[in-house]
Protein backbone atom coordinates (compact mmCIF):
# COMPACT_ATOMS: atom_id res chain seq x y z
CA MET A 1 17.05 -136.78 143.87
CA PHE A 2 17.46 -135.64 140.28
CA GLY A 3 21.08 -136.64 139.69
CA GLU A 4 24.69 -136.21 140.71
CA ILE A 5 27.25 -133.59 139.63
CA LYS A 6 30.75 -134.88 138.90
CA VAL A 7 33.83 -132.95 137.71
CA ILE A 8 36.20 -134.93 135.48
CA GLU A 9 39.52 -133.44 134.34
CA THR A 10 41.26 -134.74 131.21
CA MET A 11 44.25 -133.62 129.14
CA THR A 12 43.60 -132.21 125.68
CA ASN A 13 45.60 -131.50 122.54
CA LEU A 14 43.63 -128.34 121.74
CA GLN A 15 45.81 -125.92 119.75
CA LEU A 16 45.30 -122.22 120.30
CA LYS A 17 46.12 -119.76 117.52
CA ASP A 18 47.18 -116.17 117.84
CA ALA A 19 44.17 -113.96 117.14
CA LYS A 20 46.31 -111.88 114.79
CA ILE A 21 46.46 -114.75 112.32
CA ASP A 22 42.79 -114.39 111.47
CA GLN A 23 42.38 -110.70 112.12
CA ALA A 24 41.75 -109.98 108.44
CA GLN A 25 38.55 -112.02 108.68
CA ILE A 26 37.17 -110.29 111.76
CA GLN A 27 34.22 -108.02 110.96
CA ILE A 28 35.52 -105.07 112.92
CA HIS A 29 33.19 -102.56 111.32
CA GLY A 30 30.03 -104.46 112.16
CA LEU A 31 28.34 -104.09 108.79
CA SER A 32 25.34 -106.32 108.40
CA GLN A 33 25.45 -109.10 105.85
CA ASN A 34 21.81 -108.34 105.09
CA ILE A 35 22.15 -106.08 102.06
CA HIS A 36 18.62 -104.73 102.51
CA THR A 37 19.70 -102.91 105.68
CA VAL A 38 22.46 -101.02 103.85
CA ASN A 39 21.78 -97.33 103.23
CA LEU A 40 23.75 -94.47 101.69
CA GLN A 41 23.95 -90.87 102.85
CA VAL A 42 25.40 -88.15 100.63
CA LYS A 43 28.67 -86.72 101.94
CA GLN A 44 29.88 -84.66 98.99
CA LYS A 45 29.34 -84.08 95.29
CA PHE A 46 31.66 -82.09 93.06
CA ASP A 47 32.59 -81.66 89.41
CA ILE A 48 35.97 -82.24 87.81
CA LYS A 49 36.91 -79.28 85.64
CA ARG A 50 37.76 -79.91 81.99
CA SER A 51 36.15 -83.33 82.07
CA LYS A 52 33.33 -84.12 79.62
CA GLU A 53 33.18 -87.92 79.90
CA PRO A 54 32.49 -90.42 82.70
CA ILE A 55 35.35 -90.91 85.14
CA SER A 56 37.06 -94.26 84.44
CA GLY A 57 38.70 -94.72 87.84
CA CYS A 58 38.58 -93.32 91.36
CA ILE A 59 40.19 -94.28 94.65
CA ILE A 60 40.31 -92.87 98.20
CA LEU A 61 43.78 -93.06 99.73
CA PRO A 62 44.37 -93.79 103.45
CA ASP A 63 45.06 -90.08 104.10
CA ASN A 64 41.70 -89.10 102.52
CA ARG A 65 43.13 -87.89 99.24
CA ILE A 66 41.02 -88.84 96.23
CA ILE A 67 42.76 -89.83 93.00
CA ILE A 68 40.66 -89.48 89.84
CA ALA A 69 41.41 -91.06 86.45
CA ASP A 70 39.76 -89.39 83.46
CA HIS A 71 40.63 -91.63 80.52
CA ARG A 72 39.06 -89.51 77.79
CA SER A 73 40.84 -86.29 78.65
CA GLY A 74 44.04 -88.03 79.78
CA GLN A 75 43.99 -86.61 83.29
CA LEU A 76 45.08 -88.07 86.63
CA MET A 77 44.04 -85.65 89.35
CA GLU A 78 44.18 -85.34 93.11
CA TYR A 79 41.31 -83.91 95.17
CA ASN A 80 40.40 -83.75 98.84
CA THR A 81 37.09 -85.00 100.26
CA ASN A 82 35.68 -81.46 100.16
CA GLY A 83 35.97 -81.42 96.38
CA GLN A 84 38.97 -79.08 96.28
CA HIS A 85 41.45 -79.71 93.50
CA ILE A 86 44.95 -80.24 94.88
CA ARG A 87 47.01 -80.93 91.78
CA ASP A 88 47.34 -82.85 88.54
CA ILE A 89 49.62 -85.88 88.60
CA PRO A 90 51.86 -86.31 85.51
CA VAL A 91 51.23 -89.56 83.62
CA SER A 92 52.61 -91.01 80.40
CA ASP A 93 49.27 -91.78 78.74
CA LYS A 94 45.52 -91.64 79.30
CA PRO A 95 44.89 -93.30 82.70
CA TYR A 96 42.08 -95.84 82.95
CA SER A 97 41.99 -97.96 86.12
CA LEU A 98 43.51 -97.45 89.58
CA THR A 99 44.39 -99.58 92.58
CA LEU A 100 46.17 -98.89 95.87
CA VAL A 101 49.62 -100.50 96.25
CA ASP A 102 50.64 -98.96 99.56
CA THR A 103 50.08 -95.75 101.51
CA ASN A 104 51.60 -93.46 98.88
CA CYS A 105 51.69 -95.65 95.77
CA ILE A 106 49.01 -96.49 93.23
CA ALA A 107 49.06 -98.68 90.13
CA VAL A 108 47.58 -97.21 86.94
CA THR A 109 46.58 -98.87 83.68
CA TYR A 110 46.20 -96.98 80.39
CA GLY A 111 43.85 -99.18 78.38
CA HIS A 112 45.30 -99.22 74.88
CA SER A 113 48.92 -99.14 76.09
CA TYR A 114 50.99 -102.29 76.59
CA TYR A 115 52.08 -101.34 80.08
CA LEU A 116 50.95 -100.09 83.46
CA GLU A 117 52.72 -97.86 85.96
CA ILE A 118 53.24 -97.74 89.71
CA ILE A 119 53.22 -94.10 90.77
CA ASN A 120 54.41 -92.69 94.09
CA THR A 121 51.94 -89.87 94.70
CA LYS A 122 54.26 -88.15 97.18
CA LYS A 123 57.63 -88.37 95.44
CA ARG A 124 56.09 -88.29 91.94
CA GLU A 125 58.19 -91.28 90.91
CA ARG A 126 56.96 -93.72 88.25
CA LYS A 127 57.88 -97.31 87.48
CA LYS A 128 56.69 -98.92 84.24
CA LEU A 129 55.59 -102.58 84.14
CA LYS A 130 55.18 -104.10 80.67
CA CYS A 131 52.24 -106.21 79.45
CA LYS A 132 51.81 -108.25 76.26
CA ASN A 133 48.63 -106.48 75.20
CA ASN A 134 46.15 -103.77 76.15
CA CYS A 135 45.60 -103.75 79.92
CA TRP A 136 42.41 -102.39 81.48
CA GLY A 137 41.09 -103.22 84.94
CA ILE A 138 43.53 -103.68 87.81
CA SER A 139 43.37 -104.70 91.48
CA ASN A 140 46.00 -105.24 94.18
CA GLN A 141 45.79 -108.10 96.66
CA ASP A 142 48.62 -109.06 99.01
CA GLN A 143 51.15 -107.15 96.89
CA LYS A 144 50.07 -108.99 93.76
CA LEU A 145 48.57 -107.09 90.84
CA TYR A 146 45.61 -108.67 89.04
CA VAL A 147 45.44 -107.12 85.57
CA VAL A 148 42.88 -107.61 82.81
CA VAL A 149 45.02 -108.09 79.69
CA LEU A 150 43.28 -108.36 76.32
CA GLY A 151 43.68 -111.77 74.68
CA GLN A 152 45.37 -113.29 77.72
CA GLY A 153 43.00 -113.24 80.68
CA ILE A 154 43.78 -112.01 84.17
CA VAL A 155 47.54 -111.69 84.53
CA VAL A 156 48.93 -111.85 88.06
CA MET A 157 52.26 -110.08 88.58
CA ASP A 158 54.29 -108.80 91.48
CA VAL A 159 54.94 -105.09 92.04
CA HIS A 160 58.25 -105.43 90.16
CA GLY A 161 56.54 -106.59 86.96
CA LYS A 162 57.32 -110.31 87.15
CA THR A 163 54.44 -112.42 85.85
CA LEU A 164 53.46 -115.02 88.45
CA LYS A 165 50.62 -116.69 86.56
CA THR A 166 47.83 -116.09 84.09
CA ILE A 167 44.24 -116.96 84.97
CA ASP A 168 42.55 -118.30 81.85
CA ILE A 169 39.34 -116.28 81.65
CA ASP A 170 37.69 -114.82 78.56
CA VAL A 171 38.11 -111.09 79.15
CA SER A 172 36.32 -109.91 76.02
CA GLY A 173 34.10 -107.13 77.32
CA VAL A 174 35.86 -107.08 80.72
CA PHE A 175 37.23 -103.67 81.76
CA PHE A 176 36.79 -103.56 85.55
CA ILE A 177 38.02 -105.93 88.25
CA THR A 178 38.40 -106.12 92.03
CA THR A 179 39.71 -108.77 94.42
CA THR A 180 39.56 -110.03 97.99
CA SER A 181 41.85 -112.52 99.73
CA ASP A 182 40.16 -115.48 98.07
CA ARG A 183 37.98 -114.18 95.24
CA ILE A 184 38.08 -112.24 91.98
CA TYR A 185 35.16 -110.12 90.81
CA TYR A 186 34.66 -108.53 87.40
CA THR A 187 31.97 -107.12 85.13
CA ASN A 188 31.37 -108.04 81.49
CA GLN A 189 29.88 -105.24 79.41
CA VAL A 190 29.07 -107.50 76.44
CA SER A 191 26.96 -110.01 78.37
CA ASN A 192 25.76 -107.50 81.02
CA THR A 193 26.93 -109.84 83.79
CA VAL A 194 28.78 -109.65 87.09
CA HIS A 195 31.15 -112.53 87.87
CA CYS A 196 32.67 -114.00 91.03
CA CYS A 197 35.40 -116.63 90.77
CA SER A 198 38.13 -118.21 92.84
CA MET A 199 41.78 -117.19 92.64
CA THR A 200 42.30 -120.02 90.17
CA GLY A 201 39.51 -118.81 87.89
CA HIS A 202 36.86 -121.32 88.96
CA GLU A 203 33.49 -119.62 88.58
CA ILE A 204 31.55 -119.32 91.85
CA TRP A 205 28.55 -117.34 90.66
CA VAL A 206 27.30 -115.12 87.83
CA PHE A 207 24.78 -112.36 88.39
CA LYS A 208 22.58 -110.93 85.64
CA ASP A 209 19.56 -108.72 86.01
CA GLN A 210 17.71 -106.52 83.54
CA SER A 211 18.09 -103.60 85.96
CA ILE A 212 21.85 -103.43 85.24
CA THR A 213 22.85 -102.31 81.74
CA LEU A 214 26.48 -101.94 80.72
CA PRO A 215 27.97 -102.87 84.13
CA GLY A 216 31.15 -100.92 84.82
CA GLY A 217 33.11 -100.26 87.99
CA ILE A 218 33.01 -102.87 90.76
CA SER A 219 34.07 -102.89 94.43
CA VAL A 220 33.57 -105.12 97.50
CA ASP A 221 32.80 -104.44 101.16
CA HIS A 222 33.89 -106.30 104.35
CA ASN A 223 31.28 -109.01 103.90
CA GLN A 224 32.12 -109.59 100.23
CA ASN A 225 28.94 -107.88 99.13
CA VAL A 226 29.53 -106.37 95.71
CA TYR A 227 28.95 -102.77 94.61
CA VAL A 228 28.55 -102.41 90.85
CA VAL A 229 27.49 -99.49 88.67
CA GLY A 230 25.27 -99.79 85.61
CA THR A 231 26.45 -97.07 83.23
CA TRP A 232 23.53 -97.12 80.81
CA SER A 233 21.00 -98.01 83.51
CA HIS A 234 22.22 -95.06 85.64
CA ASN A 235 22.31 -97.01 88.91
CA LEU A 236 24.39 -98.43 91.73
CA THR A 237 23.49 -101.96 92.81
CA LEU A 238 24.62 -103.97 95.82
CA ILE A 239 24.84 -107.72 95.17
CA GLN A 240 24.78 -110.18 98.07
CA HIS A 241 28.04 -112.08 98.68
CA ASP A 242 26.56 -115.34 97.31
CA GLY A 243 25.16 -113.68 94.18
CA LYS A 244 21.58 -114.68 95.06
CA ASP A 245 20.08 -111.31 95.96
CA SER A 246 20.56 -107.63 95.18
CA LYS A 247 19.42 -104.15 96.11
CA VAL A 248 19.45 -101.01 93.96
CA LEU A 249 20.97 -98.27 96.12
CA LEU A 250 20.96 -95.30 93.74
CA THR A 251 19.20 -94.51 90.47
CA TYR A 252 18.78 -91.70 87.97
CA ARG A 253 16.13 -90.25 90.30
CA ASP A 254 18.89 -89.76 92.88
CA GLY A 255 20.86 -87.78 90.32
CA LEU A 256 23.07 -90.65 89.18
CA ASN A 257 23.98 -90.03 85.55
CA LEU A 258 26.14 -92.47 83.58
CA PRO A 259 28.22 -93.81 86.49
CA ALA A 260 31.34 -95.66 85.33
CA ALA A 261 33.64 -96.08 88.35
CA VAL A 262 33.07 -97.08 91.97
CA HIS A 263 35.40 -97.53 94.93
CA TYR A 264 34.43 -98.76 98.40
CA ASN A 265 36.79 -97.52 101.13
CA LYS A 266 36.72 -100.18 103.85
CA GLU A 267 38.46 -98.06 106.49
CA LYS A 268 35.87 -95.28 106.39
CA ASN A 269 32.85 -97.09 104.90
CA ILE A 270 32.62 -94.58 102.07
CA VAL A 271 31.54 -95.21 98.48
CA CYS A 272 33.13 -93.03 95.80
CA LEU A 273 31.44 -92.81 92.40
CA GLY A 274 32.78 -91.38 89.15
CA CYS A 275 30.04 -90.26 86.76
CA LYS A 276 29.27 -88.36 83.55
CA LYS A 277 31.11 -85.12 82.77
CA GLY A 278 33.55 -85.65 85.59
CA SER A 279 31.18 -85.55 88.54
CA VAL A 280 32.37 -87.33 91.71
CA GLU A 281 30.00 -88.41 94.47
CA LEU A 282 30.85 -89.59 97.99
CA TYR A 283 28.40 -91.55 100.13
CA GLN A 284 28.60 -92.74 103.73
CA VAL A 285 27.51 -96.36 104.13
CA SER A 286 25.35 -97.22 107.12
C-alpha cells in the first residue's frame, strides 16, 4: 500500500478577470523574445521623387497606406505598399515626425515650428496644437501625445492640445521618440545612446555601442524589443527589451544608406525604413 487518495472541497475567494482586460499584453503574433531569431525579408524598395535628403518620418496606416515626411524638401506624401505615389498631403511647414492618432488621423511635428498638427488624411482637415518651443519627435499612446519639446523635455498633451504634464528629461540631441503602454524610448544623437525610461521619466536602461553612430528613428515590437537606425553607421539594430543584448539586422552591405526613420507596424510585422535621397524600404519580420 503506497497511500490513500482523498478529495477535499473548500470554498475560495479566487477572483476571475475578463480576458479582455489584459488582451493588450497577450503576444498574439507569437514573435520570439530571442532577438537572434529575428530575420528580415525584403518586401519592397522604392524612391521618393524630388527628395534628396534622408526621410525624417514614415508610418504605415492600418489600411496599408504609407505616409512619408521629407523634412528637407517640405513634403508630406502618401504611397501604397507597391511604391506607387498616391498624392501629396498639404501641410503648413516642413514635416518632421509622424505618429498615428486613429485610423485616418496622424499627428505631425515640424521641427523648428512652435506647433504640431493633427491631420485627417481622408478629409484633409488640420488642427493646430501649440507648443512653447521647437517640437521634434512625437508618439501617441492611449490618445496622449508625447512630444519632444526643446528646452522643456517630453511634453504630454491630449489630442485637443491641453498639456497634461511635462517629463523632465534633457532632450538636447533628442529628435526621435516612441512609446508603449508603460515605457518611453528615445535616441540621443549627441551621446550616441538609446534610452528606455518609465512614463514618469525614471531611467530603466541606456544602450550604447560603437556599432551605432548618430542614432535616429526608433520603434518597438510586441515584446518591447527596440528597432533603431544608425544614420552615420548605415545600419538597423534590434536591441533586446532589457537593453542587455543587440543584433545588427541590416548594414551598408545590404544597401542601407543613411537611414534616418524607422516604423514597426505591429499588425503586419513590417518594418518601414526611410533612407538617403528619399528611398523607402519595407521588410517582413519573421
